Amino acid sequence: MTHESTSESVPLPAVHISMPTTPAWVWPVVLSVTGVLAMIGAALDITHAKLWTLLPYTYLGNSLAPLPYDGTVVWLGSRAPLWQVVVIGTIGTVLVEFWNMDLLTRILARDGTRGFRKHHFTQSMLRIFNKMPFLTLIGTCILPIVPHYPMRVLAVLARYPIWKYQLSIIIGRSGRYTWLGLLGAFVPIPTWLLFVVSVTVLWLGWRHAKKMNAEGDS
């Protein structure tokens, strides 16, 4: 693995974030249209409805307000061809990540987030991120438990190129969906247990984020 460029290893000031040039409505429209078309496909093709609905569910499960997603991939591992689950899941994730990054950029470009951008904790995390951004992004995409959401924020603050970010998504998420699908294919896990574990993990993540936010305001 070649060493990443010097400009990526040195933290940027992250004081000013430019607004995206793409109109704000573009990605919501893309996601809405493709999601509706997928649901129509599910209604017309009952046999493969699970795969059709995976696309819009991927949008929801990988958005900034996620639903339990990993458990769904495990569940599909024994009910659909693995390669199709991985391809649809990865394509859906790439599409929704365009919207995620666009929305985060608009939020972080606002004057009201200047304090957060300049906070010593944010700058410390940014310095760590900039040492190995590409590998860090892949790692948080493919590993269980490790949250990927903070990496989106750091990628925006670091002005990380969107094409490199999306490449890390393709590599990391396709790997994650592969091992999750294989887990479902070879290990008989009850549906109720998948649901309980997924909801618990989301709840713990929400609780941790709320605690950090409270500590930051104190």
Protein backbone atom coordinates (compact mmCIF):
# COMPACT_ATOMS: atom_id res chain seq x y z
CA MET A 1 0.00 0.00 0.00
CA THR A 2 1.53 3.31 -1.04
CA HIS A 3 1.79 6.12 1.46
CA GLU A 4 -0.93 8.71 1.00
CA SER A 5 -0.03 12.19 -0.13
CA THR A 6 1.45 14.72 2.27
CA SER A 7 -1.54 17.03 1.88
CA GLU A 8 -3.77 14.27 3.27
CA SER A 9 -1.47 13.52 6.21
CA VAL A 10 -1.48 17.11 7.45
CA PRO A 11 -4.71 18.22 9.15
CA LEU A 12 -6.56 21.07 7.52
CA PRO A 13 -7.81 24.02 9.57
CA ALA A 14 -11.47 23.02 9.01
CA VAL A 15 -12.56 26.58 9.82
CA HIS A 16 -14.32 27.15 6.51
CA ILE A 17 -16.36 24.58 4.59
CA SER A 18 -17.74 25.54 1.19
CA MET A 19 -21.33 24.79 0.29
CA PRO A 20 -21.79 22.06 -2.36
CA THR A 21 -22.31 23.26 -5.91
CA THR A 22 -24.93 20.57 -6.58
CA PRO A 23 -28.49 21.76 -5.82
CA ALA A 24 -29.80 20.37 -2.52
CA TRP A 25 -32.76 18.65 -4.19
CA VAL A 26 -30.74 16.46 -6.58
CA TRP A 27 -29.85 13.52 -4.36
CA PRO A 28 -33.19 13.35 -2.51
CA VAL A 29 -34.88 13.16 -5.91
CA VAL A 30 -32.49 10.46 -7.15
CA LEU A 31 -33.07 8.36 -4.03
CA SER A 32 -36.84 8.90 -4.11
CA VAL A 33 -37.23 8.00 -7.79
CA THR A 34 -35.04 4.90 -7.66
CA GLY A 35 -36.65 3.83 -4.38
CA VAL A 36 -40.16 4.10 -5.86
CA LEU A 37 -39.11 2.21 -8.99
CA ALA A 38 -37.66 -0.55 -6.81
CA MET A 39 -40.90 -0.82 -4.85
CA ILE A 40 -42.85 -1.05 -8.11
CA GLY A 41 -40.49 -3.81 -9.18
CA ALA A 42 -41.15 -5.62 -5.90
CA ALA A 43 -44.90 -5.42 -6.48
CA LEU A 44 -44.60 -6.76 -10.03
CA ASP A 45 -41.98 -9.43 -9.27
CA ILE A 46 -43.12 -11.09 -6.05
CA THR A 47 -40.55 -13.89 -6.39
CA HIS A 48 -37.67 -11.45 -6.03
CA ALA A 49 -39.44 -8.85 -3.87
CA LYS A 50 -36.81 -9.16 -1.11
CA LEU A 51 -34.07 -8.09 -3.48
CA TRP A 52 -36.11 -5.25 -4.98
CA THR A 53 -36.93 -3.81 -1.57
CA LEU A 54 -33.30 -4.12 -0.47
CA LEU A 55 -32.42 -0.98 -2.46
CA PRO A 56 -34.75 1.49 -0.68
CA TYR A 57 -34.09 -0.26 2.63
CA THR A 58 -30.37 0.29 2.03
CA TYR A 59 -31.08 4.00 1.64
CA LEU A 60 -32.80 4.06 5.03
CA GLY A 61 -30.35 1.73 6.76
CA ASN A 62 -27.31 3.77 5.69
CA SER A 63 -28.77 7.24 6.05
CA LEU A 64 -28.07 9.66 8.88
CA ALA A 65 -31.10 8.22 10.71
CA PRO A 66 -30.48 4.49 10.22
CA LEU A 67 -32.67 1.43 10.63
CA PRO A 68 -31.25 -1.96 11.68
CA TYR A 69 -29.41 -2.96 8.50
CA ASP A 70 -26.70 -5.51 9.23
CA GLY A 71 -29.24 -7.96 10.62
CA THR A 72 -31.21 -7.67 7.38
CA VAL A 73 -28.15 -8.64 5.32
CA VAL A 74 -27.56 -11.62 7.61
CA TRP A 75 -31.22 -12.61 7.21
CA LEU A 76 -30.99 -12.34 3.41
CA GLY A 77 -27.83 -14.45 3.38
CA SER A 78 -29.87 -17.64 3.56
CA ARG A 79 -32.76 -16.40 1.38
CA ALA A 80 -31.18 -14.79 -1.70
CA PRO A 81 -28.05 -15.18 -3.88
CA LEU A 82 -25.15 -13.64 -1.99
CA TRP A 83 -23.66 -11.81 -4.97
CA GLN A 84 -26.97 -10.08 -5.66
CA VAL A 85 -27.31 -8.99 -2.03
CA VAL A 86 -23.76 -7.59 -2.07
CA VAL A 87 -24.16 -5.78 -5.41
CA ILE A 88 -27.54 -4.22 -4.59
CA GLY A 89 -26.45 -3.31 -1.07
CA THR A 90 -23.21 -1.72 -2.26
CA ILE A 91 -24.88 0.26 -5.07
CA GLY A 92 -27.56 1.49 -2.69
CA THR A 93 -24.96 2.48 -0.12
CA VAL A 94 -22.92 4.45 -2.65
CA LEU A 95 -26.01 6.35 -3.80
CA VAL A 96 -27.17 7.26 -0.29
CA GLU A 97 -23.63 8.26 0.68
CA PHE A 98 -23.71 10.98 -1.99
CA TRP A 99 -26.71 12.42 -0.16
CA ASN A 100 -25.17 11.85 3.30
CA MET A 101 -22.02 13.74 2.38
CA ASP A 102 -23.91 16.52 0.60
CA LEU A 103 -26.18 17.03 3.62
CA LEU A 104 -23.32 16.93 6.13
CA THR A 105 -21.35 19.44 4.07
CA ARG A 106 -24.29 21.84 4.09
CA ILE A 107 -24.68 21.43 7.85
CA LEU A 108 -20.98 21.84 8.64
CA ALA A 109 -20.67 24.86 6.33
CA ARG A 110 -23.08 26.83 8.51
CA ASP A 111 -21.72 29.44 10.91
CA GLY A 112 -23.50 27.71 13.76
CA THR A 113 -21.09 24.76 13.52
CA ARG A 114 -17.94 26.88 13.69
CA GLY A 115 -17.46 26.09 17.38
CA PHE A 116 -17.69 22.37 16.67
CA ARG A 117 -15.24 22.62 13.78
CA LYS A 118 -12.70 24.52 15.87
CA HIS A 119 -13.17 22.46 19.05
CA HIS A 120 -9.94 20.85 20.30
CA PHE A 121 -11.54 17.38 20.33
CA THR A 122 -12.68 17.74 16.73
CA GLN A 123 -9.24 18.93 15.67
CA SER A 124 -7.56 16.08 17.55
CA MET A 125 -9.77 13.50 15.83
CA LEU A 126 -9.12 15.20 12.50
CA ARG A 127 -5.36 14.92 12.98
CA ILE A 128 -5.70 11.20 13.71
CA PHE A 129 -8.02 10.69 10.73
CA ASN A 130 -5.65 12.46 8.34
CA LYS A 131 -2.81 10.05 9.11
CA MET A 132 -4.53 7.16 7.29
CA PRO A 133 -7.90 8.39 5.96
CA PHE A 134 -8.47 5.76 3.28
CA LEU A 135 -7.66 2.77 5.50
CA THR A 136 -9.64 4.27 8.37
CA LEU A 137 -12.71 4.65 6.18
CA ILE A 138 -12.44 1.09 4.88
CA GLY A 139 -11.97 -0.22 8.41
CA THR A 140 -15.06 1.46 9.81
CA CYS A 141 -17.05 0.26 6.80
CA ILE A 142 -16.11 -3.40 7.05
CA LEU A 143 -15.71 -4.01 10.79
CA PRO A 144 -18.64 -4.74 13.11
CA ILE A 145 -19.56 -2.44 16.01
CA VAL A 146 -17.07 0.27 14.96
CA PRO A 147 -19.24 3.32 14.03
CA HIS A 148 -18.82 4.82 10.58
CA TYR A 149 -20.90 7.96 11.17
CA PRO A 150 -18.09 10.03 12.77
CA MET A 151 -15.92 9.24 9.75
CA ARG A 152 -18.38 11.02 7.48
CA VAL A 153 -17.99 14.18 9.54
CA LEU A 154 -14.20 13.92 9.57
CA ALA A 155 -14.11 13.28 5.82
CA VAL A 156 -16.09 16.48 5.23
CA LEU A 157 -13.90 18.50 7.59
CA ALA A 158 -10.76 17.10 5.95
CA ARG A 159 -12.15 17.97 2.51
CA TYR A 160 -11.47 14.38 1.53
CA PRO A 161 -12.10 13.78 -2.20
CA ILE A 162 -15.54 12.29 -2.76
CA TRP A 163 -14.24 9.75 -5.28
CA LYS A 164 -11.78 8.36 -2.73
CA TYR A 165 -14.48 8.34 -0.08
CA GLN A 166 -16.82 6.40 -2.36
CA LEU A 167 -14.04 3.98 -3.33
CA SER A 168 -13.54 3.21 0.35
CA ILE A 169 -17.30 2.66 0.63
CA ILE A 170 -17.29 0.19 -2.27
CA ILE A 171 -14.37 -1.79 -0.85
CA GLY A 172 -15.46 -1.68 2.78
CA ARG A 173 -19.21 -2.17 2.43
CA SER A 174 -18.97 -4.92 -0.19
CA GLY A 175 -16.63 -6.76 2.16
CA ARG A 176 -18.97 -6.20 5.10
CA TYR A 177 -22.06 -7.36 3.22
CA THR A 178 -20.17 -10.43 2.01
CA TRP A 179 -19.21 -11.68 5.45
CA LEU A 180 -22.61 -10.79 6.89
CA GLY A 181 -24.35 -12.69 4.09
CA LEU A 182 -22.07 -15.69 4.59
CA LEU A 183 -22.82 -15.60 8.30
CA GLY A 184 -26.52 -15.82 7.55
CA ALA A 185 -25.99 -18.58 5.00
CA PHE A 186 -23.96 -20.86 7.27
CA VAL A 187 -25.17 -20.02 10.79
CA PRO A 188 -28.89 -20.53 11.54
CA ILE A 189 -29.73 -17.37 13.50
CA PRO A 190 -33.39 -16.89 14.52
CA THR A 191 -35.06 -13.82 13.00
CA TRP A 192 -36.18 -12.57 16.41
CA LEU A 193 -32.59 -12.69 17.69
CA LEU A 194 -31.33 -10.70 14.71
CA PHE A 195 -33.97 -8.06 15.38
CA VAL A 196 -33.19 -7.82 19.10
CA VAL A 197 -29.43 -7.59 18.53
CA SER A 198 -29.83 -4.97 15.76
CA VAL A 199 -32.11 -2.75 17.83
CA THR A 200 -29.84 -3.10 20.88
CA VAL A 201 -26.75 -2.06 18.90
CA LEU A 202 -28.58 0.99 17.52
CA TRP A 203 -29.81 1.94 20.98
CA LEU A 204 -26.31 1.67 22.48
CA GLY A 205 -24.92 3.84 19.66
CA TRP A 206 -27.64 6.46 20.19
CA ARG A 207 -27.05 6.43 23.96
CA HIS A 208 -23.30 6.88 23.49
CA ALA A 209 -23.81 9.77 21.06
CA LYS A 210 -26.25 11.45 23.45
CA LYS A 211 -23.77 11.09 26.31
CA MET A 212 -20.96 12.62 24.26
CA ASN A 213 -23.19 15.51 23.24
CA ALA A 214 -24.15 16.17 26.87
CA GLU A 215 -20.49 16.13 27.92
CA GLY A 216 -19.66 18.56 25.11
CA ASP A 217 -22.33 21.01 26.29
CA SER A 218 -21.22 20.87 29.93
